[in-house]
C-alpha atoms as a PDB file:
ATOM      1  CA  MET A   1       0.000   0.000   0.000  1.00  0.00           C
ATOM      2  CA  SER A   2       1.462   3.409  -0.941  1.00  0.00           C
ATOM      3  CA  HIS A   3       2.160   6.320   1.438  1.00  0.00           C
ATOM      4  CA  LEU A   4      -0.857   8.247   0.152  1.00  0.00           C
ATOM      5  CA  SER A   5      -3.070   5.165   0.348  1.00  0.00           C
ATOM      6  CA  LEU A   6      -2.040   4.714   3.972  1.00  0.00           C
ATOM      7  CA  LEU A   7      -3.032   8.307   4.684  1.00  0.00           C
ATOM      8  CA  GLY A   8      -6.395   7.536   3.128  1.00  0.00           C
ATOM      9  CA  ALA A   9      -6.871   4.388   5.192  1.00  0.00           C
ATOM     10  CA  MET A  10      -6.010   6.364   8.323  1.00  0.00           C
ATOM     11  CA  THR A  11      -8.744   8.871   7.556  1.00  0.00           C
ATOM     12  CA  LEU A  12     -11.307   6.173   6.826  1.00  0.00           C
ATOM     13  CA  ALA A  13     -10.455   4.348  10.028  1.00  0.00           C
ATOM     14  CA  THR A  14     -10.928   7.429  12.209  1.00  0.00           C
ATOM     15  CA  GLY A  15     -14.544   7.552  11.020  1.00  0.00           C
ATOM     16  CA  LEU A  16     -15.305   3.835  10.928  1.00  0.00           C
ATOM     17  CA  LEU A  17     -17.378   3.648  14.103  1.00  0.00           C
ATOM     18  CA  THR A  18     -18.882   7.099  14.523  1.00  0.00           C
ATOM     19  CA  LEU A  19     -22.502   6.040  14.630  1.00  0.00           C
ATOM     20  CA  PRO A  20     -23.128   5.854  18.409  1.00  0.00           C
ATOM     21  CA  THR A  21     -23.158   9.648  18.710  1.00  0.00           C
ATOM     22  CA  LEU A  22     -26.417   9.672  16.760  1.00  0.00           C
ATOM     23  CA  ALA A  23     -28.813   6.746  16.828  1.00  0.00           C
ATOM     24  CA  GLY A  24     -28.451   5.446  20.353  1.00  0.00           C
ATOM     25  CA  ALA A  25     -30.792   3.424  22.504  1.00  0.00           C
ATOM     26  CA  GLN A  26     -34.471   4.182  22.132  1.00  0.00           C
ATOM     27  CA  SER A  27     -35.923   7.252  23.793  1.00  0.00           C
ATOM     28  CA  LEU A  28     -39.297   6.018  22.580  1.00  0.00           C
ATOM     29  CA  PRO A  29     -40.123   3.296  25.144  1.00  0.00           C
ATOM     30  CA  ALA A  30     -39.931  -0.243  23.849  1.00  0.00           C
ATOM     31  CA  PRO A  31     -43.226  -2.156  23.765  1.00  0.00           C
ATOM     32  CA  ASP A  32     -44.068  -3.359  27.292  1.00  0.00           C
ATOM     33  CA  GLN A  33     -41.283  -1.258  28.830  1.00  0.00           C
ATOM     34  CA  ASP A  34     -42.298   0.235  32.179  1.00  0.00           C
ATOM     35  CA  GLU A  35     -42.540   4.034  31.900  1.00  0.00           C
ATOM     36  CA  THR A  36     -42.870   4.732  35.622  1.00  0.00           C
ATOM     37  CA  GLY A  37     -39.543   5.876  37.033  1.00  0.00           C
ATOM     38  CA  TRP A  38     -36.310   5.257  35.177  1.00  0.00           C
ATOM     39  CA  ARG A  39     -35.980   3.187  32.010  1.00  0.00           C
ATOM     40  CA  HIS A  40     -32.670   2.246  30.421  1.00  0.00           C
ATOM     41  CA  GLY A  41     -31.234   1.178  27.085  1.00  0.00           C
ATOM     42  CA  ALA A  42     -27.795   0.128  25.831  1.00  0.00           C
ATOM     43  CA  ALA A  43     -26.693  -0.115  22.205  1.00  0.00           C
ATOM     44  CA  PHE A  44     -23.667  -1.376  20.270  1.00  0.00           C
ATOM     45  CA  TYR A  45     -23.010  -0.396  16.661  1.00  0.00           C
ATOM     46  CA  LEU A  46     -20.939  -0.739  13.531  1.00  0.00           C
ATOM     47  CA  PHE A  47     -20.867   1.899  10.796  1.00  0.00           C
ATOM     48  CA  THR A  48     -19.566   0.550   7.481  1.00  0.00           C
ATOM     49  CA  PRO A  49     -18.850   3.439   5.061  1.00  0.00           C
ATOM     50  CA  ILE A  50     -18.983   2.217   1.485  1.00  0.00           C
ATOM     51  CA  ARG A  51     -17.451   5.436   0.149  1.00  0.00           C
ATOM     52  CA  THR A  52     -15.131   8.034   1.670  1.00  0.00           C
ATOM     53  CA  THR A  53     -14.064  11.169  -0.220  1.00  0.00           C
ATOM     54  CA  GLY A  54     -12.097  14.264   0.766  1.00  0.00           C
ATOM     55  CA  THR A  55      -8.536  15.192   1.749  1.00  0.00           C
ATOM     56  CA  SER A  56      -6.192  13.875   4.444  1.00  0.00           C
ATOM     57  CA  THR A  57      -3.050  15.754   5.558  1.00  0.00           C
ATOM     58  CA  VAL A  58      -0.250  14.500   7.826  1.00  0.00           C
ATOM     59  CA  ALA A  59       2.997  16.459   8.286  1.00  0.00           C
ATOM     60  CA  GLY A  60       1.975  18.824   5.498  1.00  0.00           C
ATOM     61  CA  GLN A  61       1.514  15.991   2.980  1.00  0.00           C
ATOM     62  CA  SER A  62      -2.007  15.800   1.551  1.00  0.00           C
ATOM     63  CA  ALA A  63      -3.796  12.949  -0.155  1.00  0.00           C
ATOM     64  CA  ASP A  64      -7.028  13.184  -2.110  1.00  0.00           C
ATOM     65  CA  LEU A  65      -9.348  10.394  -0.980  1.00  0.00           C
ATOM     66  CA  ASP A  66     -11.766   8.199  -2.868  1.00  0.00           C
ATOM     67  CA  LEU A  67     -11.896   4.983  -0.842  1.00  0.00           C
ATOM     68  CA  ASP A  68     -14.132   1.983  -0.300  1.00  0.00           C
ATOM     69  CA  LEU A  69     -14.587  -0.103   2.830  1.00  0.00           C
ATOM     70  CA  GLY A  70     -12.050  -2.722   1.776  1.00  0.00           C
ATOM     71  CA  ASP A  71      -9.206  -0.183   1.949  1.00  0.00           C
ATOM     72  CA  VAL A  72      -9.552   0.164   5.718  1.00  0.00           C
ATOM     73  CA  LEU A  73     -10.533  -3.406   6.580  1.00  0.00           C
ATOM     74  CA  ASP A  74      -7.093  -4.473   5.382  1.00  0.00           C
ATOM     75  CA  VAL A  75      -5.473  -2.503   8.217  1.00  0.00           C
ATOM     76  CA  LEU A  76      -8.122  -2.476  10.965  1.00  0.00           C
ATOM     77  CA  ASP A  77      -6.673  -3.451  14.358  1.00  0.00           C
ATOM     78  CA  PHE A  78      -9.598  -3.112  16.793  1.00  0.00           C
ATOM     79  CA  ALA A  79     -12.877  -1.203  17.015  1.00  0.00           C
ATOM     80  CA  ALA A  80     -15.679  -0.897  19.562  1.00  0.00           C
ATOM     81  CA  ALA A  81     -18.547   1.534  20.099  1.00  0.00           C
ATOM     82  CA  GLY A  82     -21.517   1.789  22.426  1.00  0.00           C
ATOM     83  CA  ARG A  83     -24.132   4.061  23.906  1.00  0.00           C
ATOM     84  CA  TYR A  84     -26.215   4.103  27.092  1.00  0.00           C
ATOM     85  CA  GLU A  85     -29.412   6.093  27.693  1.00  0.00           C
ATOM     86  CA  ALA A  86     -31.417   6.574  30.888  1.00  0.00           C
ATOM     87  CA  TRP A  87     -34.807   8.297  30.763  1.00  0.00           C
ATOM     88  CA  ASN A  88     -37.255   9.482  33.387  1.00  0.00           C
ATOM     89  CA  GLY A  89     -40.322  11.128  31.939  1.00  0.00           C
ATOM     90  CA  ASP A  90     -39.257  13.642  29.291  1.00  0.00           C
ATOM     91  CA  PHE A  91     -35.664  13.959  30.521  1.00  0.00           C
ATOM     92  CA  GLY A  92     -32.763  11.772  29.478  1.00  0.00           C
ATOM     93  CA  ILE A  93     -29.045  11.246  30.095  1.00  0.00           C
ATOM     94  CA  ILE A  94     -26.880   9.870  27.283  1.00  0.00           C
ATOM     95  CA  VAL A  95     -23.354   8.469  27.511  1.00  0.00           C
ATOM     96  CA  ASP A  96     -21.499   7.270  24.419  1.00  0.00           C
ATOM     97  CA  ALA A  97     -18.006   5.934  23.871  1.00  0.00           C
ATOM     98  CA  ASN A  98     -15.998   4.998  20.791  1.00  0.00           C
ATOM     99  CA  TYR A  99     -12.602   3.439  20.070  1.00  0.00           C
ATOM    100  CA  VAL A 100     -11.045   2.500  16.745  1.00  0.00           C
ATOM    101  CA  GLY A 101      -7.448   1.704  15.872  1.00  0.00           C
ATOM    102  CA  ILE A 102      -5.440   0.603  12.871  1.00  0.00           C
ATOM    103  CA  LYS A 103      -1.845  -0.507  12.423  1.00  0.00           C
ATOM    104  CA  GLN A 104       0.068  -1.100   9.239  1.00  0.00           C
ATOM    105  CA  ASP A 105       3.702  -2.041   8.727  1.00  0.00           C
ATOM    106  CA  THR A 106       4.974  -2.236   5.175  1.00  0.00           C
ATOM    107  CA  SER A 107       8.351  -2.287   3.456  1.00  0.00           C
ATOM    108  CA  LEU A 108       9.424   0.703   1.410  1.00  0.00           C
ATOM    109  CA  PRO A 109      10.872   0.146  -2.058  1.00  0.00           C
ATOM    110  CA  GLY A 110      14.631   0.489  -2.351  1.00  0.00           C
ATOM    111  CA  PRO A 111      17.829  -1.317  -1.406  1.00  0.00           C
ATOM    112  CA  LEU A 112      17.993  -0.111   2.228  1.00  0.00           C
ATOM    113  CA  GLY A 113      15.160  -2.263   3.568  1.00  0.00           C
ATOM    114  CA  SER A 114      13.310   0.517   5.406  1.00  0.00           C
ATOM    115  CA  ASP A 115       9.844  -0.047   6.898  1.00  0.00           C
ATOM    116  CA  LEU A 116       6.860   2.322   6.996  1.00  0.00           C
ATOM    117  CA  ASN A 117       4.821   2.131  10.237  1.00  0.00           C
ATOM    118  CA  VAL A 118       1.331   3.642  10.564  1.00  0.00           C
ATOM    119  CA  ASP A 119      -0.405   3.904  13.961  1.00  0.00           C
ATOM    120  CA  VAL A 120      -3.882   5.438  14.254  1.00  0.00           C
ATOM    121  CA  ARG A 121      -6.070   5.592  17.358  1.00  0.00           C
ATOM    122  CA  GLN A 122      -9.284   7.519  17.852  1.00  0.00           C
ATOM    123  CA  LYS A 123     -11.377   7.517  20.996  1.00  0.00           C
ATOM    124  CA  TRP A 124     -14.092   9.689  22.430  1.00  0.00           C
ATOM    125  CA  PHE A 125     -16.358   9.853  25.445  1.00  0.00           C
ATOM    126  CA  GLY A 126     -19.486  11.996  25.399  1.00  0.00           C
ATOM    127  CA  VAL A 127     -22.097  13.012  27.975  1.00  0.00           C
ATOM    128  CA  LEU A 128     -25.327  14.625  26.784  1.00  0.00           C
ATOM    129  CA  GLY A 129     -28.619  15.710  28.265  1.00  0.00           C
ATOM    130  CA  ALA A 130     -31.849  15.201  26.333  1.00  0.00           C
ATOM    131  CA  TYR A 131     -35.372  16.562  26.492  1.00  0.00           C
ATOM    132  CA  ARG A 132     -38.439  15.230  24.687  1.00  0.00           C
ATOM    133  CA  ILE A 133     -40.266  18.153  23.103  1.00  0.00           C
ATOM    134  CA  VAL A 134     -42.955  16.073  21.349  1.00  0.00           C
ATOM    135  CA  ASP A 135     -44.744  12.932  22.529  1.00  0.00           C
ATOM    136  CA  SER A 136     -47.894  12.240  20.556  1.00  0.00           C
ATOM    137  CA  VAL A 137     -49.721   9.769  18.282  1.00  0.00           C
ATOM    138  CA  TYR A 138     -50.543   9.608  14.576  1.00  0.00           C
ATOM    139  CA  GLY A 139     -52.678   7.580  12.185  1.00  0.00           C
ATOM    140  CA  ALA A 140     -55.848   5.541  12.601  1.00  0.00           C
ATOM    141  CA  ASP A 141     -54.098   3.161  15.025  1.00  0.00           C
ATOM    142  CA  ASP A 142     -52.763   5.981  17.239  1.00  0.00           C
ATOM    143  CA  GLN A 143     -49.141   4.900  16.827  1.00  0.00           C
ATOM    144  CA  ARG A 144     -46.752   6.828  19.066  1.00  0.00           C
ATOM    145  CA  TYR A 145     -43.994   9.198  17.943  1.00  0.00           C
ATOM    146  CA  THR A 146     -41.480  11.391  19.792  1.00  0.00           C
ATOM    147  CA  ILE A 147     -38.963  14.143  19.046  1.00  0.00           C
ATOM    148  CA  ASP A 148     -35.945  14.709  21.309  1.00  0.00           C
ATOM    149  CA  LEU A 149     -33.384  17.516  21.522  1.00  0.00           C
ATOM    150  CA  GLN A 150     -29.889  16.677  22.803  1.00  0.00           C
ATOM    151  CA  GLY A 151     -26.848  18.664  23.878  1.00  0.00           C
ATOM    152  CA  GLY A 152     -23.616  18.138  25.776  1.00  0.00           C
ATOM    153  CA  VAL A 153     -19.853  17.776  25.522  1.00  0.00           C
ATOM    154  CA  ARG A 154     -17.506  15.180  24.082  1.00  0.00           C
ATOM    155  CA  TYR A 155     -13.852  14.437  24.855  1.00  0.00           C
ATOM    156  CA  ASN A 156     -11.878  13.469  21.732  1.00  0.00           C
ATOM    157  CA  SER A 157      -8.430  11.974  21.287  1.00  0.00           C
ATOM    158  CA  ILE A 158      -6.864  11.250  17.912  1.00  0.00           C
ATOM    159  CA  ARG A 159      -3.472   9.760  17.095  1.00  0.00           C
ATOM    160  CA  GLN A 160      -2.225   9.733  13.497  1.00  0.00           C
ATOM    161  CA  GLU A 161       1.443   8.808  13.216  1.00  0.00           C
ATOM    162  CA  ILE A 162       3.677   7.685  10.381  1.00  0.00           C
ATOM    163  CA  GLY A 163       7.158   6.451  11.231  1.00  0.00           C
ATOM    164  CA  ILE A 164      10.032   5.058   9.171  1.00  0.00           C
ATOM    165  CA  THR A 165      12.347   2.389  10.572  1.00  0.00           C
ATOM    166  CA  THR A 166      15.722   2.101   8.860  1.00  0.00           C
ATOM    167  CA  PRO A 167      18.597  -0.396   9.248  1.00  0.00           C
ATOM    168  CA  GLY A 168      20.821   2.413  10.489  1.00  0.00           C
ATOM    169  CA  PRO A 169      21.273   3.686  14.074  1.00  0.00           C
ATOM    170  CA  VAL A 170      19.075   6.782  13.569  1.00  0.00           C
ATOM    171  CA  ASN A 171      15.489   6.856  12.286  1.00  0.00           C
ATOM    172  CA  PRO A 172      13.694   9.881  10.843  1.00  0.00           C
ATOM    173  CA  PRO A 173      11.329  11.654  13.251  1.00  0.00           C
ATOM    174  CA  VAL A 174       7.773  10.327  13.511  1.00  0.00           C
ATOM    175  CA  LEU A 175       5.312  12.358  11.446  1.00  0.00           C
ATOM    176  CA  GLY A 176       1.938  13.393  12.874  1.00  0.00           C
ATOM    177  CA  GLY A 177       1.102  12.984  16.552  1.00  0.00           C
ATOM    178  CA  ASP A 178      -1.668  13.040  19.191  1.00  0.00           C
ATOM    179  CA  GLN A 179      -4.446  15.601  19.546  1.00  0.00           C
ATOM    180  CA  ASP A 180      -6.955  15.935  22.424  1.00  0.00           C
ATOM    181  CA  TRP A 181      -9.844  18.349  22.806  1.00  0.00           C
ATOM    182  CA  ILE A 182     -13.323  18.858  24.247  1.00  0.00           C
ATOM    183  CA  GLU A 183     -16.118  20.007  21.960  1.00  0.00           C
ATOM    184  CA  PRO A 184     -19.829  20.888  22.222  1.00  0.00           C
ATOM    185  CA  VAL A 185     -22.420  18.590  20.607  1.00  0.00           C
ATOM    186  CA  ILE A 186     -26.066  19.263  19.762  1.00  0.00           C
ATOM    187  CA  GLY A 187     -28.608  17.006  18.085  1.00  0.00           C
ATOM    188  CA  ALA A 188     -32.219  16.103  17.392  1.00  0.00           C
ATOM    189  CA  ARG A 189     -33.953  12.756  16.914  1.00  0.00           C
ATOM    190  CA  GLY A 190     -37.405  11.689  15.796  1.00  0.00           C
ATOM    191  CA  MET A 191     -38.817   8.200  16.375  1.00  0.00           C
ATOM    192  CA  TRP A 192     -42.162   6.817  15.290  1.00  0.00           C
ATOM    193  CA  ARG A 193     -43.758   3.482  16.043  1.00  0.00           C
ATOM    194  CA  LEU A 194     -44.867   1.583  12.933  1.00  0.00           C
ATOM    195  CA  ASN A 195     -46.244  -1.438  14.802  1.00  0.00           C
ATOM    196  CA  GLU A 196     -45.346  -3.552  17.833  1.00  0.00           C
ATOM    197  CA  GLN A 197     -42.065  -4.699  16.261  1.00  0.00           C
ATOM    198  CA  TRP A 198     -40.952  -1.873  13.952  1.00  0.00           C
ATOM    199  CA  THR A 199     -39.854   1.691  14.789  1.00  0.00           C
ATOM    200  CA  GLY A 200     -38.537   4.327  12.379  1.00  0.00           C
ATOM    201  CA  ILE A 201     -35.684   6.640  13.405  1.00  0.00           C
ATOM    202  CA  ALA A 202     -34.247   9.851  11.921  1.00  0.00           C
ATOM    203  CA  SER A 203     -31.508  11.883  13.601  1.00  0.00           C
ATOM    204  CA  LEU A 204     -29.192  14.845  13.066  1.00  0.00           C
ATOM    205  CA  GLU A 205     -26.098  15.822  15.043  1.00  0.00           C
ATOM    206  CA  LEU A 206     -23.693  18.756  14.855  1.00  0.00           C
ATOM    207  CA  GLY A 207     -20.422  19.000  16.768  1.00  0.00           C
ATOM    208  CA  GLY A 208     -17.106  20.799  16.911  1.00  0.00           C
ATOM    209  CA  PHE A 209     -17.929  24.437  16.086  1.00  0.00           C
ATOM    210  CA  GLY A 210     -14.205  25.243  15.988  1.00  0.00           C
ATOM    211  CA  ALA A 211     -13.274  23.561  19.272  1.00  0.00           C
ATOM    212  CA  GLY A 212      -9.795  22.025  19.159  1.00  0.00           C
ATOM    213  CA  GLY A 213      -9.558  22.589  15.413  1.00  0.00           C
ATOM    214  CA  ASN A 214     -12.745  20.686  14.569  1.00  0.00           C
ATOM    215  CA  ASP A 215     -14.639  23.255  12.497  1.00  0.00           C
ATOM    216  CA  LEU A 216     -17.791  21.195  12.045  1.00  0.00           C
ATOM    217  CA  GLN A 217     -18.867  17.576  12.305  1.00  0.00           C
ATOM    218  CA  VAL A 218     -22.189  16.534  10.774  1.00  0.00           C
ATOM    219  CA  GLY A 219     -24.042  13.245  11.086  1.00  0.00           C
ATOM    220  CA  VAL A 220     -27.404  12.211   9.620  1.00  0.00           C
ATOM    221  CA  ASN A 221     -29.086   8.826  10.184  1.00  0.00           C
ATOM    222  CA  ILE A 222     -32.242   7.303   8.729  1.00  0.00           C
ATOM    223  CA  GLY A 223     -33.149   3.768   9.776  1.00  0.00           C
ATOM    224  CA  PHE A 224     -35.310   1.281  11.647  1.00  0.00           C
ATOM    225  CA  ASP A 225     -35.431  -0.791  14.808  1.00  0.00           C
ATOM    226  CA  TYR A 226     -36.837  -4.299  14.558  1.00  0.00           C
ATOM    227  CA  GLN A 227     -37.746  -5.832  17.922  1.00  0.00           C
ATOM    228  CA  PRO A 228     -38.498  -9.554  17.655  1.00  0.00           C
ATOM    229  CA  TRP A 229     -37.789 -10.105  21.386  1.00  0.00           C
ATOM    230  CA  GLU A 230     -39.146  -8.384  24.482  1.00  0.00           C
ATOM    231  CA  LYS A 231     -35.869  -6.792  25.647  1.00  0.00           C
ATOM    232  CA  THR A 232     -33.773  -6.777  22.461  1.00  0.00           C
ATOM    233  CA  ALA A 233     -33.969  -4.992  19.103  1.00  0.00           C
ATOM    234  CA  LEU A 234     -31.931  -5.047  15.924  1.00  0.00           C
ATOM    235  CA  THR A 235     -31.201  -1.654  14.379  1.00  0.00           C
ATOM    236  CA  PHE A 236     -30.072  -0.794  10.855  1.00  0.00           C
ATOM    237  CA  GLY A 237     -30.188   2.027   8.334  1.00  0.00           C
ATOM    238  CA  TYR A 238     -28.069   4.470   6.352  1.00  0.00           C
ATOM    239  CA  ARG A 239     -25.702   7.166   7.605  1.00  0.00           C
ATOM    240  CA  TYR A 240     -23.983  10.256   6.241  1.00  0.00           C
ATOM    241  CA  PHE A 241     -21.022  11.641   8.171  1.00  0.00           C
ATOM    242  CA  SER A 242     -18.626  14.527   7.514  1.00  0.00           C
ATOM    243  CA  VAL A 243     -15.845  16.176   9.503  1.00  0.00           C
ATOM    244  CA  ASP A 244     -13.581  19.168   8.841  1.00  0.00           C
ATOM    245  CA  TYR A 245     -10.616  19.056  11.238  1.00  0.00           C
ATOM    246  CA  SER A 246      -7.257  20.846  11.021  1.00  0.00           C
ATOM    247  CA  ASP A 247      -4.370  21.834  13.277  1.00  0.00           C
ATOM    248  CA  THR A 248      -0.634  22.419  13.136  1.00  0.00           C
ATOM    249  CA  LEU A 249       1.781  20.103  14.941  1.00  0.00           C
ATOM    250  CA  SER A 250       5.550  20.348  15.296  1.00  0.00           C
ATOM    251  CA  SER A 251       5.856  17.991  12.308  1.00  0.00           C
ATOM    252  CA  GLY A 252       3.564  20.134  10.115  1.00  0.00           C
ATOM    253  CA  GLU A 253      -0.086  20.477   9.172  1.00  0.00           C
ATOM    254  CA  PHE A 254      -2.403  17.789  10.482  1.00  0.00           C
ATOM    255  CA  ALA A 255      -5.890  17.733   8.951  1.00  0.00           C
ATOM    256  CA  TYR A 256      -8.707  15.718   7.445  1.00  0.00           C
ATOM    257  CA  ASP A 257     -11.750  16.980   5.611  1.00  0.00           C
ATOM    258  CA  VAL A 258     -13.896  14.009   4.602  1.00  0.00           C
ATOM    259  CA  ASP A 259     -17.416  12.872   3.742  1.00  0.00           C
ATOM    260  CA  GLN A 260     -18.609   9.299   4.309  1.00  0.00           C
ATOM    261  CA  HIS A 261     -21.813   7.413   3.724  1.00  0.00           C
ATOM    262  CA  GLY A 262     -22.952   3.824   4.119  1.00  0.00           C
ATOM    263  CA  PRO A 263     -25.109   1.393   6.112  1.00  0.00           C
ATOM    264  CA  TYR A 264     -25.031   0.880   9.855  1.00  0.00           C
ATOM    265  CA  PHE A 265     -25.943  -2.158  11.949  1.00  0.00           C
ATOM    266  CA  GLY A 266     -26.383  -2.721  15.666  1.00  0.00           C
ATOM    267  CA  ILE A 267     -28.195  -4.297  18.582  1.00  0.00           C
ATOM    268  CA  LYS A 268     -30.098  -2.682  21.469  1.00  0.00           C
ATOM    269  CA  TYR A 269     -31.037  -3.929  24.923  1.00  0.00           C
ATOM    270  CA  PHE A 270     -33.802  -2.465  27.110  1.00  0.00           C
ATOM    271  CA  PHE A 271     -34.011  -2.828  30.879  1.00  0.00           C
END
């Protein structure tokens, strides 16, 4: 894989599991879920972008991106994402967490036998409050629907490093580095019951607003929950995600400005 292709895979990997900031566990109570007092939900997700376009920059070197999912799966090391929601009446508390990492070691062409090492880690932890502004029914069967507003803060940490290992006693400095910041997040979500097993979901989230170099992060989800069991639902749909991040490190400009879209899949538990 070339240097520029590795930069592209790094960018794709940092967005691979971004879904939990949006869809989350149901704020609309699951069928038969007790609505007196607190109710809880936990969700685990995978976002699989089928196309990523934009620009990635590490140490002042930019790569134009036009990637598919296979480009990042070749170098994926580990990924996990989840979200917890607790609701009491119209008020909710949301906690989400995300971790994704890739590693790639490849030999560089030439007689010296040098190796190119790529290490990427992204993690975040967010805490949001939520308030249900609409709780009503529609249609001849009086199916329920809700609209929630959400807002809070998210801690982010991103590592994007490229290093070269040579046979000699001295290696070139590592390019890229680690960035940490806290950013505001706002969002809205609508959910509508279709029947006892199916629920539609649409959500929008905005984050960054210049905090830590993240000018704007946008996420849009449209999908469904299917609940064949009393306490468990399957969730799936389609997601659009974009981020415009830039900063300057000691090794040079560090940035990625990308758009992604593709299906998401997950499972939810209610208790």
